[in-house]
Amino acid sequence: MPTPPKLRHRAGLAIGALLVLAFTSLVPGTAAHAADDGGWAVQPSGPNGPGTRDYFVYTLQPGQGFQDTVGISNFSDQPLTFKVYARDAFSAADAGFGLQPEAEAATDAGTWIRLPVEQYTVQPGMRADIPFVIQVPPDAEPGDHAGGIIGALVTEVPQQPGTGVTVLQRVAARVYVRVEGTLSPALDVKQIDLQYANSFGALLGGAKANVSYQVTNVGNVRLNALTSVRLKDPLGRTVASKVARQLPELLPGGSLVITEEFTGVPPTLRLTAEVSAYTIGETPTKTTRTTAVWAIPWLAPPVVILGVVIVAVWLVRRRRGRAPVTEPTPPVPPRERVDA
């Protein structure tokens, strides 16, 4: 992660300078490196225009500030007026990089980004370079903080005569700030659920099993985690596995729910799912959780019971079919007469 020069800024002087610079940088638009929707782009820029940066990435100390430039390019054939503001980022449920809506107040990195304007009009085929200051609070917690600088466009789409639909479109440039201090990468696996599809087919070629689980970044740095899932029998032998799934980036506090599907899993009487989440690199981390269910085909007990009944009936009939055997009566010995 690149470290910008450790320049300290006094917020008042910096904002004053930005108010002057923001309205003097209107240059032809260029292709976007960060985010665009085909009509406009919001991206890191500089004195010579957009460079090779996809995102704003900084490593700063508590209380340190840094000045940078965001470019908003208009690729359309008409002037576009944008709302420009910053908000906190979060890991979205669909594994995307999410940003707070405008109506929601920022509480973290979004409050560190100080823009000199709230609205800006960019002419067709032009780019507006808007300087800004990012100021880390003195009491900022160590680790990674994320936000974004958003260019929002509100348009009215006419429908039937006299009616229309208001459309809000947002494009943003990501901002990652690592505050120096103790870093604690850590993952946790929660809410493991194992489902085994008990059926007669399990007796023949195995059955379907689903494992769903939630991976949460419980540390203070953003992580790109890997996960593995193993299904084991009562003796600890692996009967099915899926390993090395690469997860999207998880910000601190972010979670992602994943479901793995298996087919042909044999009925092992007791089936255990072992889920591991881990990272590799300079600071590897790993956590493993397990859960178990009974893996007995639902037709197996009736089959066993039916077999027992059939055997019992056969034994009863076999016994009844036998001819009765009459034992001969032993002769009674004659009594001896004794004369007195």
Protein backbone atom coordinates (compact mmCIF):
# COMPACT_ATOMS: atom_id res chain seq x y z
CA MET A 1 0.00 0.00 0.00
CA PRO A 2 1.69 3.25 -1.07
CA THR A 3 2.48 5.81 1.59
CA PRO A 4 2.06 9.47 0.59
CA PRO A 5 4.47 12.08 1.92
CA LYS A 6 3.65 12.84 5.51
CA LEU A 7 2.49 16.41 5.05
CA ARG A 8 0.59 18.09 7.82
CA HIS A 9 -2.02 20.64 6.88
CA ARG A 10 -3.91 23.14 8.83
CA ALA A 11 -7.49 22.51 7.82
CA GLY A 12 -8.45 26.18 7.66
CA LEU A 13 -5.63 27.15 5.27
CA ALA A 14 -6.11 24.05 3.15
CA ILE A 15 -9.85 24.55 2.70
CA GLY A 16 -9.25 28.16 1.78
CA ALA A 17 -6.77 27.13 -0.90
CA LEU A 18 -9.16 24.52 -2.23
CA LEU A 19 -11.96 27.02 -2.64
CA VAL A 20 -9.73 28.89 -5.06
CA LEU A 21 -8.40 25.85 -6.91
CA ALA A 22 -11.71 24.06 -7.32
CA PHE A 23 -13.04 26.54 -9.81
CA THR A 24 -9.90 26.93 -11.89
CA SER A 25 -9.40 23.37 -13.14
CA LEU A 26 -11.62 22.59 -16.12
CA VAL A 27 -9.84 20.44 -18.70
CA PRO A 28 -10.82 17.97 -21.43
CA GLY A 29 -12.20 14.67 -20.05
CA THR A 30 -10.18 11.47 -20.24
CA ALA A 31 -10.93 7.77 -19.84
CA ALA A 32 -11.81 6.66 -16.32
CA HIS A 33 -9.53 4.50 -14.18
CA ALA A 34 -11.85 4.29 -11.18
CA ALA A 35 -15.62 4.33 -11.63
CA ASP A 36 -17.82 5.46 -14.48
CA ASP A 37 -21.20 4.61 -15.98
CA GLY A 38 -20.32 5.53 -19.58
CA GLY A 39 -21.65 9.08 -19.18
CA TRP A 40 -19.32 10.40 -16.53
CA ALA A 41 -16.50 9.26 -14.26
CA VAL A 42 -15.19 10.01 -10.77
CA GLN A 43 -11.51 9.17 -10.34
CA PRO A 44 -8.23 10.12 -8.67
CA SER A 45 -6.57 12.99 -10.48
CA GLY A 46 -3.62 15.32 -10.07
CA PRO A 47 -1.74 18.28 -11.58
CA ASN A 48 -1.37 16.39 -14.87
CA GLY A 49 -4.82 14.83 -14.84
CA PRO A 50 -5.77 11.23 -14.00
CA GLY A 51 -2.82 8.91 -13.62
CA THR A 52 -2.65 5.18 -12.98
CA ARG A 53 -4.40 5.15 -9.61
CA ASP A 54 -7.66 3.25 -9.40
CA TYR A 55 -8.41 4.41 -5.85
CA PHE A 56 -7.23 6.90 -3.25
CA VAL A 57 -4.97 4.92 -0.89
CA TYR A 58 -3.16 6.51 2.05
CA THR A 59 -1.18 5.50 5.13
CA LEU A 60 -1.34 8.31 7.68
CA GLN A 61 -0.73 8.90 11.36
CA PRO A 62 -3.45 10.08 13.76
CA GLY A 63 -3.80 13.84 13.34
CA GLN A 64 -2.08 13.89 9.95
CA GLY A 65 -3.59 15.45 6.83
CA PHE A 66 -3.04 15.15 3.10
CA GLN A 67 -4.19 17.11 0.06
CA ASP A 68 -5.26 15.38 -3.16
CA THR A 69 -7.46 15.90 -6.22
CA VAL A 70 -10.58 14.14 -7.50
CA GLY A 71 -11.57 14.43 -11.15
CA ILE A 72 -15.15 14.37 -12.46
CA SER A 73 -15.31 13.81 -16.23
CA ASN A 74 -18.36 14.48 -18.40
CA PHE A 75 -18.40 12.22 -21.47
CA SER A 76 -21.87 13.32 -22.60
CA ASP A 77 -22.85 16.03 -25.10
CA GLN A 78 -24.56 18.28 -22.57
CA PRO A 79 -23.62 20.03 -19.32
CA LEU A 80 -24.08 17.91 -16.20
CA THR A 81 -24.49 19.24 -12.66
CA PHE A 82 -23.30 16.92 -9.91
CA LYS A 83 -23.72 16.82 -6.19
CA VAL A 84 -20.27 16.13 -4.71
CA TYR A 85 -19.93 14.70 -1.22
CA ALA A 86 -18.14 12.01 0.82
CA ARG A 87 -19.58 9.12 2.81
CA ASP A 88 -18.41 6.06 4.77
CA ALA A 89 -17.96 2.73 3.01
CA PHE A 90 -19.15 -0.73 4.04
CA SER A 91 -19.04 -4.28 2.69
CA ALA A 92 -22.39 -4.77 0.96
CA ALA A 93 -24.42 -7.98 1.28
CA ASP A 94 -23.85 -8.73 -2.41
CA ALA A 95 -20.07 -8.66 -1.82
CA GLY A 96 -19.73 -5.18 -3.29
CA PHE A 97 -18.16 -1.96 -2.04
CA GLY A 98 -21.06 0.02 -0.61
CA LEU A 99 -21.35 3.68 0.32
CA GLN A 100 -23.87 5.38 2.59
CA PRO A 101 -26.75 7.28 0.98
CA GLU A 102 -26.62 11.04 1.00
CA ALA A 103 -29.30 11.27 3.71
CA GLU A 104 -27.19 9.20 6.14
CA ALA A 105 -24.52 11.07 8.07
CA ALA A 106 -20.95 9.77 7.92
CA THR A 107 -19.19 8.91 11.16
CA ASP A 108 -15.80 7.59 10.04
CA ALA A 109 -13.61 8.19 6.97
CA GLY A 110 -16.40 10.08 5.24
CA THR A 111 -16.05 12.85 7.83
CA TRP A 112 -12.30 13.10 7.22
CA ILE A 113 -12.75 14.15 3.58
CA ARG A 114 -13.26 17.90 3.23
CA LEU A 115 -14.47 19.14 -0.13
CA PRO A 116 -14.68 22.83 -1.00
CA VAL A 117 -17.89 22.50 -3.06
CA GLU A 118 -21.15 20.58 -2.74
CA GLN A 119 -22.26 20.98 -6.34
CA TYR A 120 -20.39 21.30 -9.59
CA THR A 121 -21.35 21.70 -13.25
CA VAL A 122 -19.08 20.06 -15.82
CA GLN A 123 -19.32 21.05 -19.48
CA PRO A 124 -19.60 18.43 -22.27
CA GLY A 125 -16.36 16.58 -22.93
CA MET A 126 -14.62 18.28 -20.01
CA ARG A 127 -13.22 17.25 -16.62
CA ALA A 128 -13.37 19.18 -13.36
CA ASP A 129 -10.40 18.61 -11.04
CA ILE A 130 -11.51 19.35 -7.48
CA PRO A 131 -8.82 19.47 -4.76
CA PHE A 132 -9.76 18.20 -1.32
CA VAL A 133 -8.15 17.59 2.07
CA ILE A 134 -8.26 14.35 4.04
CA GLN A 135 -7.65 15.02 7.72
CA VAL A 136 -7.26 12.12 10.18
CA PRO A 137 -8.49 12.92 13.71
CA PRO A 138 -5.89 12.72 16.49
CA ASP A 139 -7.93 10.00 18.23
CA ALA A 140 -8.49 7.85 15.12
CA GLU A 141 -8.25 4.13 15.81
CA PRO A 142 -5.41 2.20 14.12
CA GLY A 143 -6.26 0.10 11.10
CA ASP A 144 -8.11 0.52 7.83
CA HIS A 145 -10.90 3.04 7.29
CA ALA A 146 -12.79 3.37 4.02
CA GLY A 147 -15.02 5.89 2.36
CA GLY A 148 -15.71 7.38 -1.02
CA ILE A 149 -16.07 10.65 -2.91
CA ILE A 150 -19.39 10.56 -4.74
CA GLY A 151 -20.56 12.38 -7.84
CA ALA A 152 -24.38 12.13 -7.86
CA LEU A 153 -26.52 13.09 -10.83
CA VAL A 154 -30.26 13.67 -10.48
CA THR A 155 -32.24 13.57 -13.72
CA GLU A 156 -35.92 13.73 -14.60
CA VAL A 157 -37.10 11.06 -17.05
CA PRO A 158 -40.42 12.10 -18.67
CA GLN A 159 -43.17 9.51 -18.82
CA GLN A 160 -46.73 10.32 -19.83
CA PRO A 161 -47.62 13.99 -20.38
CA GLY A 162 -47.31 15.83 -17.11
CA THR A 163 -45.54 12.99 -15.29
CA GLY A 164 -41.96 11.90 -14.84
CA VAL A 165 -39.57 9.79 -12.81
CA THR A 166 -36.67 11.18 -10.80
CA VAL A 167 -33.55 9.06 -11.26
CA LEU A 168 -30.55 9.28 -8.93
CA GLN A 169 -27.28 7.92 -10.28
CA ARG A 170 -24.11 7.82 -8.21
CA VAL A 171 -20.52 7.19 -9.24
CA ALA A 172 -17.76 7.21 -6.65
CA ALA A 173 -14.01 6.99 -6.19
CA ARG A 174 -12.94 4.75 -3.32
CA VAL A 175 -10.86 6.15 -0.48
CA TYR A 176 -8.80 3.82 1.73
CA VAL A 177 -6.98 5.23 4.76
CA ARG A 178 -4.72 3.10 6.95
CA VAL A 179 -4.10 4.76 10.30
CA GLU A 180 -0.74 3.73 11.67
CA GLY A 181 -0.70 1.68 14.85
CA THR A 182 -1.27 -1.93 15.91
CA LEU A 183 -2.84 -3.98 13.13
CA SER A 184 -4.98 -7.00 14.02
CA PRO A 185 -6.16 -9.07 11.05
CA ALA A 186 -8.81 -11.57 12.15
CA LEU A 187 -11.71 -13.53 10.64
CA ASP A 188 -14.64 -15.35 12.21
CA VAL A 189 -17.07 -17.95 10.85
CA LYS A 190 -20.62 -17.76 12.16
CA GLN A 191 -24.11 -19.09 11.47
CA ILE A 192 -23.06 -22.40 9.94
CA ASP A 193 -26.01 -24.40 8.61
CA LEU A 194 -25.71 -27.91 7.16
CA GLN A 195 -28.62 -29.46 5.28
CA TYR A 196 -28.59 -33.09 4.11
CA ALA A 197 -31.25 -34.18 1.61
CA ASN A 198 -32.33 -37.51 3.06
CA SER A 199 -33.85 -39.65 0.30
CA PHE A 200 -33.88 -43.20 -0.96
CA GLY A 201 -31.30 -42.16 -3.57
CA ALA A 202 -28.80 -41.58 -0.77
CA LEU A 203 -28.64 -45.35 -0.32
CA LEU A 204 -27.57 -45.73 -3.94
CA GLY A 205 -25.45 -42.82 -5.17
CA GLY A 206 -25.37 -40.32 -2.31
CA ALA A 207 -27.49 -37.22 -1.73
CA LYS A 208 -27.31 -33.45 -1.94
CA ALA A 209 -25.88 -31.40 0.92
CA ASN A 210 -25.82 -27.61 1.36
CA VAL A 211 -23.52 -25.70 3.70
CA SER A 212 -24.18 -22.00 4.32
CA TYR A 213 -22.03 -19.84 6.58
CA GLN A 214 -21.13 -16.24 7.34
CA VAL A 215 -17.58 -14.92 7.25
CA THR A 216 -16.98 -11.73 9.24
CA ASN A 217 -13.92 -9.50 9.36
CA VAL A 218 -13.50 -8.99 13.10
CA GLY A 219 -10.07 -7.34 12.79
CA ASN A 220 -9.09 -3.77 11.95
CA VAL A 221 -7.65 -4.23 8.43
CA ARG A 222 -9.39 -5.00 5.15
CA LEU A 223 -8.92 -8.59 4.06
CA ASN A 224 -9.21 -10.78 0.98
CA ALA A 225 -10.04 -14.09 2.59
CA LEU A 226 -10.05 -17.68 1.37
CA THR A 227 -12.49 -20.33 2.57
CA SER A 228 -12.69 -24.11 2.48
CA VAL A 229 -15.48 -26.54 3.35
CA ARG A 230 -15.00 -30.23 4.13
CA LEU A 231 -17.67 -32.83 4.84
CA LYS A 232 -16.49 -35.61 7.14
CA ASP A 233 -17.82 -38.94 8.36
CA PRO A 234 -17.83 -40.06 12.04
CA LEU A 235 -14.26 -41.37 11.66
CA GLY A 236 -13.01 -37.94 10.52
CA ARG A 237 -12.52 -38.97 6.91
CA THR A 238 -13.32 -36.36 4.23
CA VAL A 239 -16.15 -37.52 1.97
CA ALA A 240 -16.50 -34.23 0.00
CA SER A 241 -14.70 -30.89 -0.08
CA LYS A 242 -14.49 -27.47 -1.71
CA VAL A 243 -11.33 -25.52 -1.04
CA ALA A 244 -9.69 -22.18 -1.83
CA ARG A 245 -12.74 -20.06 -2.61
CA GLN A 246 -11.52 -16.46 -3.01
CA LEU A 247 -13.82 -13.98 -1.29
CA PRO A 248 -14.26 -10.34 -2.28
CA GLU A 249 -12.63 -7.73 -0.08
CA LEU A 250 -14.07 -7.48 3.41
CA LEU A 251 -13.75 -4.19 5.26
CA PRO A 252 -13.40 -4.27 9.07
CA GLY A 253 -16.76 -5.29 10.47
CA GLY A 254 -17.97 -6.51 7.08
CA SER A 255 -19.69 -9.87 6.57
CA LEU A 256 -20.50 -12.15 3.66
CA VAL A 257 -22.88 -15.14 3.56
CA ILE A 258 -21.80 -18.03 1.34
CA THR A 259 -23.54 -21.27 0.34
CA GLU A 260 -21.72 -24.32 -0.98
CA GLU A 261 -23.58 -27.17 -2.69
CA PHE A 262 -22.43 -30.80 -2.75
CA THR A 263 -23.83 -33.77 -4.63
CA GLY A 264 -23.31 -37.49 -4.19
CA VAL A 265 -22.65 -37.26 -0.45
CA PRO A 266 -22.97 -40.74 1.07
CA PRO A 267 -25.19 -41.36 4.13
CA THR A 268 -22.53 -41.56 6.81
CA LEU A 269 -25.05 -41.70 9.71
CA ARG A 270 -23.44 -38.53 11.17
CA LEU A 271 -22.13 -35.86 8.78
CA THR A 272 -19.87 -33.01 9.93
CA ALA A 273 -19.20 -29.78 8.03
CA GLU A 274 -15.84 -28.14 8.76
CA VAL A 275 -15.60 -24.53 7.53
CA SER A 276 -12.30 -22.63 7.54
CA ALA A 277 -11.64 -18.98 6.68
CA TYR A 278 -8.06 -17.83 6.32
CA THR A 279 -5.68 -15.33 4.75
CA ILE A 280 -2.18 -15.75 3.39
CA GLY A 281 0.73 -13.34 3.17
CA GLU A 282 2.71 -11.43 5.77
CA THR A 283 0.04 -11.76 8.47
CA PRO A 284 -1.77 -15.08 7.87
CA THR A 285 -4.84 -15.79 9.94
CA LYS A 286 -7.20 -18.77 10.14
CA THR A 287 -10.35 -19.76 11.99
CA THR A 288 -12.33 -23.02 11.76
CA ARG A 289 -15.86 -23.88 12.87
CA THR A 290 -17.89 -27.10 12.61
CA THR A 291 -21.47 -28.32 12.73
CA ALA A 292 -23.05 -31.76 12.26
CA VAL A 293 -26.34 -33.41 11.28
CA TRP A 294 -27.68 -36.93 10.99
CA ALA A 295 -27.16 -38.32 7.49
CA ILE A 296 -29.60 -41.24 7.42
CA PRO A 297 -31.91 -41.65 4.41
CA TRP A 298 -35.49 -41.12 5.55
CA LEU A 299 -36.56 -44.38 3.85
CA ALA A 300 -33.96 -46.44 5.71
CA PRO A 301 -35.89 -46.85 9.00
CA PRO A 302 -39.12 -48.00 7.27
CA VAL A 303 -37.12 -50.48 5.19
CA VAL A 304 -35.49 -51.90 8.30
CA ILE A 305 -38.81 -52.10 10.15
CA LEU A 306 -40.49 -53.76 7.18
CA GLY A 307 -37.68 -56.30 7.02
CA VAL A 308 -38.06 -57.11 10.71
CA VAL A 309 -41.84 -57.52 10.29
CA ILE A 310 -41.40 -59.82 7.30
CA VAL A 311 -38.93 -62.02 9.18
CA ALA A 312 -41.21 -62.14 12.23
CA VAL A 313 -44.26 -63.12 10.16
CA TRP A 314 -42.25 -65.80 8.37
CA LEU A 315 -41.09 -67.28 11.65
CA VAL A 316 -44.63 -67.31 13.06
CA ARG A 317 -46.06 -68.98 9.96
CA ARG A 318 -43.25 -71.47 9.85
CA ARG A 319 -43.92 -72.44 13.43
CA ARG A 320 -47.68 -72.73 12.88
CA GLY A 321 -47.17 -74.90 9.78
CA ARG A 322 -45.43 -77.64 11.66
CA ALA A 323 -47.53 -80.85 12.64
CA PRO A 324 -48.05 -81.27 16.38
CA VAL A 325 -45.88 -83.97 17.94
CA THR A 326 -47.57 -86.30 20.53
CA GLU A 327 -45.31 -87.71 23.13
CA PRO A 328 -46.13 -91.41 24.18
CA THR A 329 -47.51 -91.83 27.66
CA PRO A 330 -45.20 -93.90 29.79
CA PRO A 331 -46.84 -97.08 31.26
CA VAL A 332 -47.92 -97.02 34.87
CA PRO A 333 -46.05 -99.64 36.87
CA PRO A 334 -48.28 -102.19 38.73
CA ARG A 335 -48.72 -101.64 42.42
CA GLU A 336 -47.45 -104.36 44.69
CA ARG A 337 -49.88 -105.82 47.19
CA VAL A 338 -48.55 -106.23 50.68
CA ASP A 339 -50.29 -108.53 53.10
CA ALA A 340 -50.29 -107.40 56.62
